Amino acid sequence: MDKINTNIKKKITLIAIVVAVTAVLTTLFIAFFMSGQDVTVVDEPLALSASGESTTISVGSNIVGIRKDGTVVSTGDDYLTAYVAKTHESFDADLHDITAVSAGGELLIGLKEDGTVVVGGFFLDPFDLSDWRDIVAVSAGFNHIVGLKSNGTVVSEGINSQGPLEVSEWRDIVAVSAGAGHTVGLKSDGTVVAVGLNDDSQLDVSDWRDIVAVSAGVHKTLGIKSDGTVVVAGNDYYDQIDVSDWRDIVAVSAGAYLIVGLKSDGTVVAAEPTWSDGEQFNVSDWRNIVAISTNSAIIVGLKTDGTVVVEGNVYDTFDYSEWRDIRLP
């Protein structure tokens, strides 16, 4: 009997180890491919970002940008590019007249001039986009997308196992952001609503006031207040969300282990994890920046001249050196 009990205990321990390792690997995967949310086409590699908030530059597994002519350029994950090209034959053809893009961990969404959207990425079943009309902003999370309509309501598609698609009752919304399992909405009165995964209190935004912008990342939510300061809800595993001294912030982007802020003077600040020693993401010399995006592995900045700067773990597959005409927000 003792031998049987010992074997049972060993099996239970083994199962626990497997579960723990799986959870860690999943978190790391999301951390790399989610951005701090913000966006892409391609007449070159196709891309997805993640900052969630739609703009003209975004980073997820790829870096993507909208050209001044409404087409999209992308660089990065060749496997993802090939997958999207193979499984969504019409996607490239639809990537024109794009006004905003947002790349998540597995998805890319582009907003067109006529208020419709195009979507590509790793999903098994086609999204039902029949109600996606009169869209004015889009955001791609890890495995879901949200769209803001001109009447202040919100539409969503994707995986809803953690509830990030429960936005049908939202009203008076002026901005949206999709994170890793949660969705955040900014209301016209400066308050914030949030649904979905709340394992690290990333939905604890009910007392926020005077908010002018939001960003949902991995296990965290950011908000910019009307006075240019930043508030944060969510985890702080690596002491990376101390933004108490940030001032004059006009845009933010949240990843998993990194928070980036754009200041009104065109400079950039970053709250890094303690293990980086403040040296991995050196953006202190960036100037004339008008848009930012992060996926926690890299930070991307769009300059006033339409070129792009990147800091962090930039791999050989990223080639943006010829980008010159990226549209300004």
Protein backbone atom coordinates (compact mmCIF):
# COMPACT_ATOMS: atom_id res chain seq x y z
CA MET A 1 0.00 0.00 0.00
CA ASP A 2 2.84 2.41 0.86
CA LYS A 3 4.41 1.66 -2.52
CA ILE A 4 1.13 2.46 -4.30
CA ASN A 5 0.75 5.70 -2.37
CA THR A 6 4.32 6.65 -3.26
CA ASN A 7 3.66 6.02 -6.95
CA ILE A 8 0.49 8.10 -6.80
CA LYS A 9 2.37 10.96 -5.16
CA LYS A 10 5.05 10.80 -7.86
CA LYS A 11 2.42 10.96 -10.60
CA ILE A 12 0.69 13.92 -8.94
CA THR A 13 4.01 15.74 -8.61
CA LEU A 14 4.84 15.07 -12.27
CA ILE A 15 1.45 16.40 -13.38
CA ALA A 16 1.94 19.53 -11.28
CA ILE A 17 5.34 20.15 -12.85
CA VAL A 18 3.94 19.75 -16.37
CA VAL A 19 1.10 22.17 -15.61
CA ALA A 20 3.51 24.73 -14.15
CA VAL A 21 5.92 24.53 -17.08
CA THR A 22 3.04 24.86 -19.55
CA ALA A 23 1.80 27.98 -17.76
CA VAL A 24 5.25 29.56 -17.83
CA LEU A 25 5.77 28.81 -21.52
CA THR A 26 2.33 30.21 -22.35
CA THR A 27 3.09 33.42 -20.47
CA LEU A 28 6.43 33.81 -22.24
CA PHE A 29 4.80 33.22 -25.62
CA ILE A 30 2.15 35.85 -24.95
CA ALA A 31 4.75 38.23 -23.54
CA PHE A 32 6.81 38.12 -26.72
CA PHE A 33 4.01 38.29 -29.26
CA MET A 34 1.71 40.77 -27.48
CA SER A 35 2.36 44.34 -27.68
CA GLY A 36 1.76 46.93 -25.68
CA GLN A 37 -0.76 47.46 -28.09
CA ASP A 38 -0.81 49.95 -31.38
CA VAL A 39 -0.35 48.45 -35.86
CA THR A 40 -0.25 47.08 -40.64
CA VAL A 41 -0.18 45.39 -45.11
CA VAL A 42 1.80 44.17 -47.08
CA ASP A 43 2.97 44.36 -50.36
CA GLU A 44 5.81 42.82 -48.41
CA PRO A 45 5.65 40.51 -45.41
CA LEU A 46 2.38 40.61 -43.62
CA ALA A 47 2.25 41.61 -40.02
CA LEU A 48 0.45 41.82 -36.78
CA SER A 49 1.01 44.05 -33.77
CA ALA A 50 -0.21 44.38 -30.41
CA SER A 51 -0.47 47.46 -28.67
CA GLY A 52 -3.97 47.10 -29.23
CA GLU A 53 -4.75 50.69 -30.02
CA SER A 54 -5.01 51.42 -33.70
CA THR A 55 -2.47 53.81 -35.16
CA THR A 56 -0.10 53.87 -38.13
CA ILE A 57 2.75 51.87 -36.57
CA SER A 58 2.56 48.72 -34.46
CA VAL A 59 4.64 45.82 -33.26
CA GLY A 60 3.65 42.27 -32.37
CA SER A 61 5.44 39.32 -33.90
CA ASN A 62 6.09 41.73 -36.79
CA ILE A 63 6.63 45.45 -37.12
CA VAL A 64 3.98 46.99 -39.36
CA GLY A 65 3.34 50.46 -40.67
CA ILE A 66 0.90 52.26 -42.94
CA ARG A 67 2.37 54.15 -45.86
CA LYS A 68 1.06 57.54 -46.86
CA ASP A 69 -0.74 55.90 -49.80
CA GLY A 70 -2.76 53.64 -47.47
CA THR A 71 -0.82 50.43 -48.15
CA VAL A 72 0.97 48.52 -45.43
CA VAL A 73 4.55 47.38 -44.95
CA SER A 74 5.61 44.64 -42.57
CA THR A 75 8.80 43.00 -41.41
CA GLY A 76 9.61 40.25 -38.95
CA ASP A 77 8.10 36.80 -38.57
CA ASP A 78 8.43 35.09 -41.97
CA TYR A 79 6.51 32.04 -40.74
CA LEU A 80 3.54 34.17 -39.77
CA THR A 81 3.71 36.01 -43.08
CA ALA A 82 3.66 32.74 -45.02
CA TYR A 83 0.81 31.37 -42.91
CA VAL A 84 -1.42 34.38 -43.44
CA ALA A 85 -0.64 34.49 -47.17
CA LYS A 86 -1.55 30.80 -47.52
CA THR A 87 -4.74 30.74 -45.44
CA HIS A 88 -6.22 34.16 -46.18
CA GLU A 89 -5.72 34.55 -49.92
CA SER A 90 -7.76 37.75 -50.21
CA PHE A 91 -6.10 39.51 -47.29
CA ASP A 92 -3.25 41.11 -49.23
CA ALA A 93 -5.68 42.28 -51.91
CA ASP A 94 -7.78 44.03 -49.27
CA LEU A 95 -4.81 45.84 -47.75
CA HIS A 96 -5.32 49.20 -49.34
CA ASP A 97 -7.01 52.40 -48.20
CA ILE A 98 -5.94 51.48 -44.66
CA THR A 99 -6.15 54.27 -42.08
CA ALA A 100 -5.15 52.37 -38.92
CA VAL A 101 -3.73 48.99 -37.96
CA SER A 102 -3.35 46.99 -34.78
CA ALA A 103 -1.34 43.80 -34.34
CA GLY A 104 -1.87 41.33 -31.54
CA GLY A 105 -0.15 38.07 -30.69
CA GLU A 106 -2.04 36.03 -33.26
CA LEU A 107 -4.06 38.60 -35.17
CA LEU A 108 -3.81 41.65 -37.38
CA ILE A 109 -6.67 44.05 -38.03
CA GLY A 110 -6.70 46.95 -40.45
CA LEU A 111 -9.27 49.76 -40.52
CA LYS A 112 -10.26 50.97 -43.99
CA GLU A 113 -11.35 54.43 -45.08
CA ASP A 114 -14.95 53.26 -45.55
CA GLY A 115 -15.27 52.13 -41.91
CA THR A 116 -14.93 48.41 -42.65
CA VAL A 117 -12.05 46.19 -41.51
CA VAL A 118 -9.75 43.45 -42.79
CA VAL A 119 -8.39 40.73 -40.51
CA GLY A 120 -5.61 38.15 -40.84
CA GLY A 121 -3.80 35.79 -38.50
CA PHE A 122 -3.93 32.48 -36.67
CA PHE A 123 -7.62 31.65 -36.32
CA LEU A 124 -9.42 28.49 -37.35
CA ASP A 125 -12.83 29.87 -38.26
CA PRO A 126 -13.55 33.05 -40.22
CA PHE A 127 -14.68 35.93 -38.06
CA ASP A 128 -18.23 37.19 -38.48
CA LEU A 129 -17.64 40.80 -39.47
CA SER A 130 -21.13 41.42 -40.86
CA ASP A 131 -21.85 44.01 -38.17
CA TRP A 132 -18.49 45.71 -38.51
CA ARG A 133 -19.57 48.90 -40.23
CA ASP A 134 -19.00 52.54 -39.31
CA ILE A 135 -15.86 51.51 -37.39
CA VAL A 136 -13.63 54.39 -36.25
CA ALA A 137 -10.97 52.53 -34.23
CA VAL A 138 -9.71 48.94 -33.90
CA SER A 139 -7.55 46.95 -31.53
CA ALA A 140 -6.04 43.45 -31.71
CA GLY A 141 -5.29 41.48 -28.56
CA PHE A 142 -3.60 38.12 -28.24
CA ASN A 143 -6.53 36.16 -29.67
CA HIS A 144 -9.41 38.62 -29.99
CA ILE A 145 -10.22 41.87 -31.77
CA VAL A 146 -12.46 44.81 -30.89
CA GLY A 147 -13.83 47.65 -32.96
CA LEU A 148 -15.26 51.00 -31.90
CA LYS A 149 -18.26 52.19 -33.89
CA SER A 150 -19.09 55.82 -34.64
CA ASN A 151 -22.10 55.66 -32.28
CA GLY A 152 -19.93 54.80 -29.27
CA THR A 153 -20.75 51.09 -29.15
CA VAL A 154 -18.21 48.27 -29.46
CA VAL A 155 -18.07 45.04 -31.49
CA SER A 156 -15.78 42.09 -30.85
CA GLU A 157 -14.67 38.74 -32.27
CA GLY A 158 -12.31 35.97 -31.21
CA ILE A 159 -11.84 33.60 -28.30
CA ASN A 160 -14.11 34.41 -25.36
CA SER A 161 -13.05 31.82 -22.80
CA GLN A 162 -12.03 34.57 -20.36
CA GLY A 163 -14.80 37.01 -21.29
CA PRO A 164 -12.99 39.73 -23.27
CA LEU A 165 -15.81 39.84 -25.85
CA GLU A 166 -18.53 40.86 -23.36
CA VAL A 167 -18.79 44.42 -24.64
CA SER A 168 -22.26 44.49 -26.20
CA GLU A 169 -23.68 46.65 -23.38
CA TRP A 170 -21.00 49.30 -23.58
CA ARG A 171 -22.12 52.79 -24.55
CA ASP A 172 -20.49 56.22 -24.96
CA ILE A 173 -17.09 54.67 -25.67
CA VAL A 174 -14.43 56.87 -27.29
CA ALA A 175 -11.43 54.49 -27.30
CA VAL A 176 -10.81 50.74 -26.99
CA SER A 177 -7.82 48.49 -26.32
CA ALA A 178 -7.53 44.69 -26.46
CA GLY A 179 -4.98 42.94 -24.28
CA ALA A 180 -4.10 39.34 -23.46
CA GLY A 181 -7.51 38.08 -22.38
CA HIS A 182 -9.09 41.41 -21.46
CA THR A 183 -10.62 44.45 -23.15
CA VAL A 184 -10.62 48.05 -21.95
CA GLY A 185 -12.90 50.90 -23.01
CA LEU A 186 -12.61 54.62 -22.37
CA LYS A 187 -15.90 56.45 -21.93
CA SER A 188 -16.69 60.01 -22.96
CA ASP A 189 -16.87 61.10 -19.33
CA GLY A 190 -13.27 60.03 -18.65
CA THR A 191 -14.12 56.83 -16.80
CA VAL A 192 -13.00 53.36 -17.87
CA VAL A 193 -14.71 49.98 -18.26
CA ALA A 194 -12.99 46.61 -18.57
CA VAL A 195 -13.97 42.96 -19.06
CA GLY A 196 -12.19 39.62 -19.29
CA LEU A 197 -9.27 38.04 -17.46
CA ASN A 198 -8.61 39.61 -14.06
CA ASP A 199 -6.03 37.29 -12.52
CA ASP A 200 -3.71 40.20 -11.71
CA SER A 201 -6.33 42.88 -11.02
CA GLN A 202 -5.90 44.35 -14.49
CA LEU A 203 -9.62 45.12 -14.53
CA ASP A 204 -9.51 47.23 -11.38
CA VAL A 205 -10.20 50.52 -13.15
CA SER A 206 -13.63 51.41 -11.77
CA ASP A 207 -12.27 54.31 -9.71
CA TRP A 208 -10.28 55.88 -12.54
CA ARG A 209 -11.32 59.42 -13.47
CA ASP A 210 -10.18 62.11 -15.94
CA ILE A 211 -8.68 59.48 -18.28
CA VAL A 212 -7.91 60.52 -21.88
CA ALA A 213 -6.27 57.33 -23.27
CA VAL A 214 -5.96 53.63 -22.37
CA SER A 215 -3.74 50.68 -23.27
CA ALA A 216 -4.28 47.01 -22.36
CA GLY A 217 -1.22 44.76 -22.29
CA VAL A 218 -0.37 41.41 -20.72
CA HIS A 219 -1.78 41.30 -17.18
CA LYS A 220 -1.92 45.08 -16.97
CA THR A 221 -3.90 48.16 -18.02
CA LEU A 222 -2.60 51.69 -18.46
CA GLY A 223 -4.45 54.98 -18.44
CA ILE A 224 -3.31 58.52 -19.20
CA LYS A 225 -4.93 61.23 -17.11
CA SER A 226 -5.82 64.68 -18.38
CA ASP A 227 -2.87 66.12 -16.46
CA GLY A 228 -0.38 63.93 -18.39
CA THR A 229 0.28 61.46 -15.58
CA VAL A 230 -0.23 57.69 -15.88
CA VAL A 231 -2.18 55.17 -13.79
CA VAL A 232 -1.66 51.41 -13.86
CA ALA A 233 -3.74 48.38 -12.88
CA GLY A 234 -2.23 44.91 -12.89
CA ASN A 235 0.90 42.96 -11.98
CA ASP A 236 4.28 44.28 -10.98
CA TYR A 237 6.30 41.06 -10.88
CA TYR A 238 9.48 42.79 -12.01
CA ASP A 239 9.04 46.27 -10.50
CA GLN A 240 8.41 47.67 -13.97
CA ILE A 241 5.26 49.69 -13.44
CA ASP A 242 6.58 52.53 -11.33
CA VAL A 243 5.50 55.49 -13.42
CA SER A 244 4.89 57.86 -10.54
CA ASP A 245 7.39 60.40 -11.89
CA TRP A 246 6.09 60.39 -15.48
CA ARG A 247 4.73 63.74 -16.64
CA ASP A 248 3.45 65.27 -19.90
CA ILE A 249 2.57 61.84 -21.34
CA VAL A 250 0.43 61.83 -24.50
CA ALA A 251 0.56 58.12 -25.46
CA VAL A 252 1.34 54.82 -23.73
CA SER A 253 1.95 51.24 -24.81
CA ALA A 254 1.86 48.19 -22.52
CA GLY A 255 3.63 44.89 -23.08
CA ALA A 256 4.18 42.14 -20.53
CA TYR A 257 7.37 43.29 -18.80
CA LEU A 258 7.63 46.77 -20.23
CA ILE A 259 5.70 50.04 -20.28
CA VAL A 260 6.49 52.83 -22.72
CA GLY A 261 5.33 56.44 -22.68
CA LEU A 262 5.49 59.19 -25.31
CA LYS A 263 5.94 62.72 -23.98
CA SER A 264 4.51 65.89 -25.44
CA ASP A 265 7.99 67.05 -26.47
CA GLY A 266 8.53 63.98 -28.67
CA THR A 267 10.81 62.12 -26.27
CA VAL A 268 10.13 58.64 -24.87
CA VAL A 269 10.30 57.05 -21.41
CA ALA A 270 10.30 53.35 -20.55
CA ALA A 271 9.63 51.51 -17.28
CA GLU A 272 11.74 48.37 -17.57
CA PRO A 273 11.86 45.16 -15.50
CA THR A 274 14.56 45.04 -12.85
CA TRP A 275 16.48 42.28 -14.64
CA SER A 276 17.22 44.56 -17.61
CA ASP A 277 19.31 46.94 -15.44
CA GLY A 278 17.86 49.81 -17.43
CA GLU A 279 20.20 49.06 -20.34
CA GLN A 280 18.18 46.86 -22.70
CA PHE A 281 15.73 49.54 -23.84
CA ASN A 282 17.71 52.75 -24.12
CA VAL A 283 15.35 55.31 -25.63
CA SER A 284 16.72 58.33 -23.80
CA ASP A 285 18.17 59.80 -27.00
CA TRP A 286 15.01 59.40 -29.11
CA ARG A 287 13.66 62.69 -30.44
CA ASN A 288 10.80 63.85 -32.67
CA ILE A 289 8.69 60.75 -31.95
CA VAL A 290 4.97 60.88 -32.75
CA ALA A 291 3.87 57.26 -32.07
CA ILE A 292 5.12 54.28 -30.05
CA SER A 293 4.43 50.57 -29.70
CA THR A 294 5.98 47.71 -27.70
CA ASN A 295 5.69 43.93 -27.48
CA SER A 296 8.05 43.71 -24.47
CA ALA A 297 10.92 42.43 -26.64
CA ILE A 298 11.31 45.65 -28.62
CA ILE A 299 10.12 49.26 -28.65
CA VAL A 300 9.18 50.91 -31.94
CA GLY A 301 8.96 54.64 -32.49
CA LEU A 302 7.65 56.60 -35.49
CA LYS A 303 9.46 59.88 -36.20
CA THR A 304 8.08 63.09 -37.67
CA ASP A 305 9.92 62.40 -40.93
CA GLY A 306 8.09 59.08 -41.43
CA THR A 307 11.03 56.87 -40.51
CA VAL A 308 11.08 54.24 -37.76
CA VAL A 309 13.46 53.64 -34.84
CA VAL A 310 13.64 50.39 -32.86
CA GLU A 311 15.26 49.43 -29.56
CA GLY A 312 15.57 46.02 -27.88
CA ASN A 313 15.99 42.45 -29.12
CA VAL A 314 15.92 43.20 -32.85
CA TYR A 315 16.46 40.04 -34.90
CA ASP A 316 17.90 39.73 -38.39
CA THR A 317 14.41 39.14 -39.79
CA PHE A 318 13.47 42.75 -39.00
CA ASP A 319 14.38 45.02 -41.91
CA TYR A 320 12.83 48.47 -41.77
CA SER A 321 15.85 50.45 -42.94
CA GLU A 322 14.15 51.49 -46.20
CA TRP A 323 10.94 52.70 -44.60
CA ARG A 324 10.64 56.41 -45.35
CA ASP A 325 7.00 57.31 -45.89
CA ILE A 326 5.10 55.93 -42.89
CA ARG A 327 1.96 57.97 -42.33
CA LEU A 328 1.90 60.14 -39.23
CA PRO A 329 -1.02 59.64 -36.78
